[in-house]
C-alpha atoms as a PDB file:
ATOM      1  CA  UNK A   1     -97.334  -6.448 -38.727  1.00  0.00           C
ATOM      2  CA  UNK A   2     -95.813  -3.150 -37.614  1.00  0.00           C
ATOM      3  CA  UNK A   3     -97.755  -0.005 -38.324  1.00  0.00           C
ATOM      4  CA  UNK A   4     -96.178   2.217 -40.962  1.00  0.00           C
ATOM      5  CA  UNK A   5     -95.376   5.828 -40.256  1.00  0.00           C
ATOM      6  CA  UNK A   6     -95.682   7.597 -43.599  1.00  0.00           C
ATOM      7  CA  UNK A   7     -93.593  10.455 -44.900  1.00  0.00           C
ATOM      8  CA  UNK A   8     -95.342  13.805 -44.502  1.00  0.00           C
ATOM      9  CA  UNK A   9     -93.374  15.254 -47.433  1.00  0.00           C
ATOM     10  CA  UNK A  10     -91.498  14.153 -50.538  1.00  0.00           C
ATOM     11  CA  UNK A  11     -87.739  14.183 -50.283  1.00  0.00           C
ATOM     12  CA  UNK A  12     -84.624  12.288 -49.298  1.00  0.00           C
ATOM     13  CA  UNK A  13     -84.407  10.368 -46.023  1.00  0.00           C
ATOM     14  CA  UNK A  14     -81.827  11.671 -43.541  1.00  0.00           C
ATOM     15  CA  UNK A  15     -80.695  10.022 -40.297  1.00  0.00           C
ATOM     16  CA  UNK A  16     -81.565  11.973 -37.144  1.00  0.00           C
ATOM     17  CA  UNK A  17     -77.843  11.993 -36.351  1.00  0.00           C
ATOM     18  CA  UNK A  18     -77.407  14.243 -39.387  1.00  0.00           C
ATOM     19  CA  UNK A  19     -80.077  16.795 -38.431  1.00  0.00           C
ATOM     20  CA  UNK A  20     -78.183  19.961 -37.407  1.00  0.00           C
ATOM     21  CA  UNK A  21     -80.242  20.534 -34.261  1.00  0.00           C
ATOM     22  CA  UNK A  22     -79.325  18.900 -30.938  1.00  0.00           C
ATOM     23  CA  UNK A  23     -82.972  18.499 -29.916  1.00  0.00           C
ATOM     24  CA  UNK A  24     -83.526  16.123 -32.842  1.00  0.00           C
ATOM     25  CA  UNK A  25     -80.051  14.618 -33.343  1.00  0.00           C
ATOM     26  CA  UNK A  26     -79.809  14.048 -29.586  1.00  0.00           C
ATOM     27  CA  UNK A  27     -83.231  12.373 -29.592  1.00  0.00           C
ATOM     28  CA  UNK A  28     -84.376  14.635 -26.760  1.00  0.00           C
ATOM     29  CA  UNK A  29     -87.988  14.399 -27.964  1.00  0.00           C
ATOM     30  CA  UNK A  30     -87.623  10.816 -29.181  1.00  0.00           C
ATOM     31  CA  UNK A  31     -86.217   8.651 -31.955  1.00  0.00           C
ATOM     32  CA  UNK A  32     -87.202   8.888 -35.585  1.00  0.00           C
ATOM     33  CA  UNK A  33     -85.954   9.985 -38.954  1.00  0.00           C
ATOM     34  CA  UNK A  34     -85.890  13.149 -41.063  1.00  0.00           C
ATOM     35  CA  UNK A  35     -86.642  14.069 -44.657  1.00  0.00           C
ATOM     36  CA  UNK A  36     -84.836  16.737 -46.624  1.00  0.00           C
ATOM     37  CA  UNK A  37     -87.870  18.022 -48.538  1.00  0.00           C
ATOM     38  CA  UNK A  38     -88.064  18.435 -52.284  1.00  0.00           C
ATOM     39  CA  UNK A  39     -89.475  21.756 -53.357  1.00  0.00           C
ATOM     40  CA  UNK A  40     -89.776  24.182 -56.189  1.00  0.00           C
ATOM     41  CA  UNK A  41     -89.566  27.931 -56.106  1.00  0.00           C
ATOM     42  CA  UNK A  42     -93.188  28.238 -57.234  1.00  0.00           C
ATOM     43  CA  UNK A  43     -94.842  27.794 -53.912  1.00  0.00           C
ATOM     44  CA  UNK A  44     -96.166  25.702 -51.144  1.00  0.00           C
ATOM     45  CA  UNK A  45     -96.767  22.064 -50.608  1.00  0.00           C
ATOM     46  CA  UNK A  46     -98.790  20.063 -48.139  1.00  0.00           C
ATOM     47  CA  UNK A  47     -97.367  18.321 -45.105  1.00  0.00           C
ATOM     48  CA  UNK A  48     -99.387  15.147 -44.555  1.00  0.00           C
ATOM     49  CA  UNK A  49    -100.517  13.168 -41.529  1.00  0.00           C
ATOM     50  CA  UNK A  50     -97.964  10.357 -41.026  1.00  0.00           C
ATOM     51  CA  UNK A  51    -100.537   8.095 -39.357  1.00  0.00           C
ATOM     52  CA  UNK A  52    -104.303   7.959 -38.979  1.00  0.00           C
ATOM     53  CA  UNK A  53    -105.477   9.287 -35.651  1.00  0.00           C
ATOM     54  CA  UNK A  54    -106.307  12.469 -33.799  1.00  0.00           C
ATOM     55  CA  UNK A  55    -104.490  15.795 -33.988  1.00  0.00           C
ATOM     56  CA  UNK A  56    -103.161  16.017 -30.437  1.00  0.00           C
ATOM     57  CA  UNK A  57    -101.258  19.273 -30.886  1.00  0.00           C
ATOM     58  CA  UNK A  58    -100.843  21.662 -33.787  1.00  0.00           C
ATOM     59  CA  UNK A  59     -98.729  24.747 -34.378  1.00  0.00           C
ATOM     60  CA  UNK A  60     -98.038  26.336 -37.752  1.00  0.00           C
ATOM     61  CA  UNK A  61     -94.575  24.700 -37.863  1.00  0.00           C
ATOM     62  CA  UNK A  62     -95.276  21.360 -36.129  1.00  0.00           C
ATOM     63  CA  UNK A  63     -97.989  18.877 -35.259  1.00  0.00           C
ATOM     64  CA  UNK A  64     -98.561  15.681 -33.309  1.00  0.00           C
ATOM     65  CA  UNK A  65    -100.919  12.923 -34.466  1.00  0.00           C
ATOM     66  CA  UNK A  66    -101.915  10.270 -31.923  1.00  0.00           C
ATOM     67  CA  UNK A  67    -102.926   6.945 -33.458  1.00  0.00           C
ATOM     68  CA  UNK A  68    -105.341   4.416 -32.006  1.00  0.00           C
ATOM     69  CA  UNK A  69    -103.448   2.644 -29.243  1.00  0.00           C
ATOM     70  CA  UNK A  70    -101.854   5.869 -28.038  1.00  0.00           C
ATOM     71  CA  UNK A  71     -98.715   6.151 -30.162  1.00  0.00           C
ATOM     72  CA  UNK A  72     -97.943   9.753 -31.075  1.00  0.00           C
ATOM     73  CA  UNK A  73     -95.884  11.015 -34.013  1.00  0.00           C
ATOM     74  CA  UNK A  74     -94.414  14.524 -34.127  1.00  0.00           C
ATOM     75  CA  UNK A  75     -93.810  16.212 -37.477  1.00  0.00           C
ATOM     76  CA  UNK A  76     -91.588  19.305 -37.245  1.00  0.00           C
ATOM     77  CA  UNK A  77     -91.353  21.422 -40.406  1.00  0.00           C
ATOM     78  CA  UNK A  78     -87.887  22.948 -40.624  1.00  0.00           C
ATOM     79  CA  UNK A  79     -85.430  24.013 -37.952  1.00  0.00           C
ATOM     80  CA  UNK A  80     -85.981  27.124 -35.833  1.00  0.00           C
ATOM     81  CA  UNK A  81     -89.221  27.744 -37.744  1.00  0.00           C
ATOM     82  CA  UNK A  82     -91.031  28.611 -34.514  1.00  0.00           C
ATOM     83  CA  UNK A  83     -89.269  31.977 -34.936  1.00  0.00           C
ATOM     84  CA  UNK A  84     -91.450  32.654 -37.996  1.00  0.00           C
ATOM     85  CA  UNK A  85     -94.506  32.904 -35.715  1.00  0.00           C
ATOM     86  CA  UNK A  86     -96.685  31.154 -38.291  1.00  0.00           C
ATOM     87  CA  UNK A  87     -95.660  33.233 -41.324  1.00  0.00           C
ATOM     88  CA  UNK A  88     -95.572  31.033 -44.417  1.00  0.00           C
ATOM     89  CA  UNK A  89     -97.656  28.219 -42.910  1.00  0.00           C
ATOM     90  CA  UNK A  90    -101.374  27.499 -43.317  1.00  0.00           C
ATOM     91  CA  UNK A  91    -102.929  25.168 -40.746  1.00  0.00           C
ATOM     92  CA  UNK A  92    -105.548  22.883 -42.310  1.00  0.00           C
ATOM     93  CA  UNK A  93    -106.546  20.780 -39.280  1.00  0.00           C
ATOM     94  CA  UNK A  94    -107.562  21.506 -35.709  1.00  0.00           C
ATOM     95  CA  UNK A  95    -106.610  19.953 -32.385  1.00  0.00           C
ATOM     96  CA  UNK A  96    -108.964  17.087 -31.619  1.00  0.00           C
ATOM     97  CA  UNK A  97    -109.765  16.493 -35.297  1.00  0.00           C
ATOM     98  CA  UNK A  98    -109.587  12.962 -36.687  1.00  0.00           C
ATOM     99  CA  UNK A  99    -107.252  12.663 -39.677  1.00  0.00           C
ATOM    100  CA  UNK A 100    -106.307   9.860 -42.032  1.00  0.00           C
ATOM    101  CA  UNK A 101    -102.731   8.966 -42.931  1.00  0.00           C
ATOM    102  CA  UNK A 102    -101.865  11.015 -46.002  1.00  0.00           C
ATOM    103  CA  UNK A 103    -104.340  13.814 -45.269  1.00  0.00           C
ATOM    104  CA  UNK A 104    -102.902  17.351 -45.615  1.00  0.00           C
ATOM    105  CA  UNK A 105    -102.425  18.965 -42.192  1.00  0.00           C
ATOM    106  CA  UNK A 106    -100.402  22.108 -43.009  1.00  0.00           C
ATOM    107  CA  UNK A 107     -99.304  23.833 -46.193  1.00  0.00           C
ATOM    108  CA  UNK A 108     -95.923  25.505 -46.234  1.00  0.00           C
ATOM    109  CA  UNK A 109     -93.117  26.499 -48.566  1.00  0.00           C
ATOM    110  CA  UNK A 110     -89.753  24.834 -47.953  1.00  0.00           C
ATOM    111  CA  UNK A 111     -88.335  27.233 -50.584  1.00  0.00           C
ATOM    112  CA  UNK A 112     -89.419  30.235 -48.485  1.00  0.00           C
ATOM    113  CA  UNK A 113     -87.940  28.648 -45.361  1.00  0.00           C
ATOM    114  CA  UNK A 114     -84.609  28.155 -47.175  1.00  0.00           C
ATOM    115  CA  UNK A 115     -84.727  31.659 -48.712  1.00  0.00           C
ATOM    116  CA  UNK A 116     -85.242  33.037 -45.196  1.00  0.00           C
ATOM    117  CA  UNK A 117     -82.001  31.442 -44.040  1.00  0.00           C
ATOM    118  CA  UNK A 118     -83.540  28.502 -42.179  1.00  0.00           C
ATOM    119  CA  UNK A 119     -83.174  24.772 -42.784  1.00  0.00           C
ATOM    120  CA  UNK A 120     -86.379  23.195 -44.195  1.00  0.00           C
ATOM    121  CA  UNK A 121     -85.559  19.628 -43.035  1.00  0.00           C
ATOM    122  CA  UNK A 122     -88.595  17.770 -41.672  1.00  0.00           C
ATOM    123  CA  UNK A 123     -88.147  15.658 -38.537  1.00  0.00           C
ATOM    124  CA  UNK A 124     -90.582  12.791 -37.917  1.00  0.00           C
ATOM    125  CA  UNK A 125     -90.377  11.616 -34.308  1.00  0.00           C
ATOM    126  CA  UNK A 126     -91.898   8.641 -32.500  1.00  0.00           C
ATOM    127  CA  UNK A 127     -92.779  10.346 -29.226  1.00  0.00           C
ATOM    128  CA  UNK A 128     -91.999   8.145 -26.229  1.00  0.00           C
ATOM    129  CA  UNK A 129     -90.825   5.467 -28.670  1.00  0.00           C
ATOM    130  CA  UNK A 130     -87.840   3.195 -28.348  1.00  0.00           C
ATOM    131  CA  UNK A 131     -85.156   3.421 -31.026  1.00  0.00           C
ATOM    132  CA  UNK A 132     -85.031  -0.381 -31.186  1.00  0.00           C
ATOM    133  CA  UNK A 133     -88.753  -0.500 -32.097  1.00  0.00           C
ATOM    134  CA  UNK A 134     -88.277   1.644 -35.218  1.00  0.00           C
ATOM    135  CA  UNK A 135     -87.260   0.423 -38.653  1.00  0.00           C
ATOM    136  CA  UNK A 136     -86.733   3.440 -40.923  1.00  0.00           C
ATOM    137  CA  UNK A 137     -86.223   3.206 -44.657  1.00  0.00           C
ATOM    138  CA  UNK A 138     -82.541   3.602 -45.600  1.00  0.00           C
ATOM    139  CA  UNK A 139     -80.982   7.047 -45.471  1.00  0.00           C
ATOM    140  CA  UNK A 140     -80.431   8.552 -48.883  1.00  0.00           C
ATOM    141  CA  UNK A 141     -83.609   6.946 -50.238  1.00  0.00           C
ATOM    142  CA  UNK A 142     -86.104   9.214 -51.974  1.00  0.00           C
ATOM    143  CA  UNK A 143     -89.649   9.016 -50.661  1.00  0.00           C
ATOM    144  CA  UNK A 144     -92.859  10.509 -51.994  1.00  0.00           C
ATOM    145  CA  UNK A 145     -95.274  12.172 -49.606  1.00  0.00           C
ATOM    146  CA  UNK A 146     -97.348   9.356 -48.119  1.00  0.00           C
ATOM    147  CA  UNK A 147     -94.757   6.626 -48.711  1.00  0.00           C
ATOM    148  CA  UNK A 148     -93.772   4.438 -45.745  1.00  0.00           C
ATOM    149  CA  UNK A 149     -90.958   6.169 -43.856  1.00  0.00           C
ATOM    150  CA  UNK A 150     -90.535   3.794 -40.920  1.00  0.00           C
ATOM    151  CA  UNK A 151     -92.334   1.045 -39.089  1.00  0.00           C
ATOM    152  CA  UNK A 152     -92.911   1.210 -35.356  1.00  0.00           C
ATOM    153  CA  UNK A 153     -93.076  -2.261 -33.815  1.00  0.00           C
END
């Protein structure tokens, strides 16, 4: 059985080819899938751990969780959001902390990201993974936060 990588946010699945950033669409950091997040104007939502493991790296706009066995998954919240220097993000976990799949890692507001002129799309990347080892859910499918997003054989 292939381990499931779960969606960190609710939204609609988007192929990496359709992410308007060459770092992700070009698979420079690795293969994966993206989610166009659902959001309301009222406020923030949690971005969840896609797998159980250890927080290997965390920034306000992105984090890496390394699962048992050494596989690491990058979650990147929005495009060019590093330029926000942490504004609009609340980090809930620390590097080295053990987390469970589905546990909130960061809260953020996709609506604020969009209102600020940035794209809130969330890229979920299998670091050092092979494209052929991934089986993502179909593009255009709606997923809830915590739903299986792809398997990594």
